[in-house]
């Protein structure tokens, strides 16, 4: 069982904003975020009405270089 929860788009973006990211642009149904200090850290989050899968969330965390434990702490789960 994965420790990553199923989340919707707005919860993921809210955590990324807490982690120091800002919205660069939106193209279609995807939102592009970049980190304030390290511009090599970025994330692309799909803006869908359904929950984002655990696999896609893991990919977003890999792109943004945020450890899972840090993400869960910012989310308020641990």
Protein backbone atom coordinates (compact mmCIF):
# COMPACT_ATOMS: atom_id res chain seq x y z
CA UNK A 1 0.00 0.00 0.00
CA UNK A 2 1.30 3.41 -0.94
CA UNK A 3 1.71 6.16 1.62
CA UNK A 4 0.79 8.75 -0.99
CA UNK A 5 -2.87 9.78 -0.77
CA UNK A 6 -5.25 10.33 -3.66
CA UNK A 7 -5.62 14.12 -3.90
CA UNK A 8 -7.35 16.57 -6.15
CA UNK A 9 -5.59 19.26 -8.16
CA UNK A 10 -6.16 22.10 -5.71
CA UNK A 11 -4.68 20.24 -2.72
CA UNK A 12 -1.50 19.42 -4.65
CA UNK A 13 -1.06 23.00 -5.88
CA UNK A 14 -1.69 24.34 -2.35
CA UNK A 15 1.12 22.16 -0.97
CA UNK A 16 3.48 23.15 -3.78
CA UNK A 17 2.77 26.84 -3.10
CA UNK A 18 3.64 26.24 0.58
CA UNK A 19 6.88 24.59 -0.55
CA UNK A 20 8.01 27.74 -2.36
CA UNK A 21 6.65 27.25 -5.85
CA UNK A 22 4.72 29.77 -7.91
CA UNK A 23 2.42 29.37 -10.89
CA UNK A 24 4.23 30.21 -14.12
CA UNK A 25 1.42 29.58 -16.57
CA UNK A 26 -1.47 27.35 -17.49
CA UNK A 27 -1.84 25.73 -20.86
CA UNK A 28 -4.99 23.75 -21.44
CA UNK A 29 -5.63 21.52 -18.47
CA UNK A 30 -2.10 21.64 -17.04
CA UNK A 31 -0.61 24.15 -14.60
CA UNK A 32 3.14 24.79 -14.67
CA UNK A 33 4.87 25.75 -11.42
CA UNK A 34 8.49 26.74 -10.72
CA UNK A 35 10.42 27.15 -7.47
CA UNK A 36 11.31 30.69 -6.34
CA UNK A 37 14.97 30.04 -5.51
CA UNK A 38 15.92 27.07 -7.70
CA UNK A 39 14.51 27.46 -11.21
CA UNK A 40 15.57 23.89 -12.08
CA UNK A 41 12.81 22.67 -9.75
CA UNK A 42 9.48 22.64 -11.54
CA UNK A 43 6.20 20.74 -11.56
CA UNK A 44 3.43 20.18 -14.05
CA UNK A 45 0.09 19.46 -12.41
CA UNK A 46 -2.92 18.29 -14.43
CA UNK A 47 -6.03 20.30 -13.65
CA UNK A 48 -8.73 17.64 -13.76
CA UNK A 49 -11.96 17.28 -11.84
CA UNK A 50 -11.11 13.78 -10.62
CA UNK A 51 -8.38 12.90 -8.12
CA UNK A 52 -4.80 12.71 -9.32
CA UNK A 53 -3.49 9.14 -9.27
CA UNK A 54 -0.72 8.09 -6.89
CA UNK A 55 1.52 7.37 -9.86
CA UNK A 56 1.06 10.91 -11.23
CA UNK A 57 1.56 12.40 -7.75
CA UNK A 58 4.82 10.47 -7.41
CA UNK A 59 5.90 11.88 -10.77
CA UNK A 60 5.02 15.43 -9.66
CA UNK A 61 7.08 14.98 -6.49
CA UNK A 62 10.01 13.62 -8.51
CA UNK A 63 9.87 16.65 -10.85
CA UNK A 64 9.67 19.11 -7.98
CA UNK A 65 12.38 17.30 -5.96
CA UNK A 66 10.21 17.21 -2.83
CA UNK A 67 10.60 14.12 -0.62
CA UNK A 68 7.41 12.24 0.19
CA UNK A 69 7.75 12.87 3.93
CA UNK A 70 8.14 16.61 3.34
CA UNK A 71 5.07 16.61 1.09
CA UNK A 72 3.00 14.80 3.71
CA UNK A 73 4.21 17.21 6.41
CA UNK A 74 3.18 20.22 4.31
CA UNK A 75 -0.11 18.53 3.56
CA UNK A 76 -0.72 18.08 7.28
CA UNK A 77 -0.88 14.29 7.25
CA UNK A 78 2.19 13.71 9.46
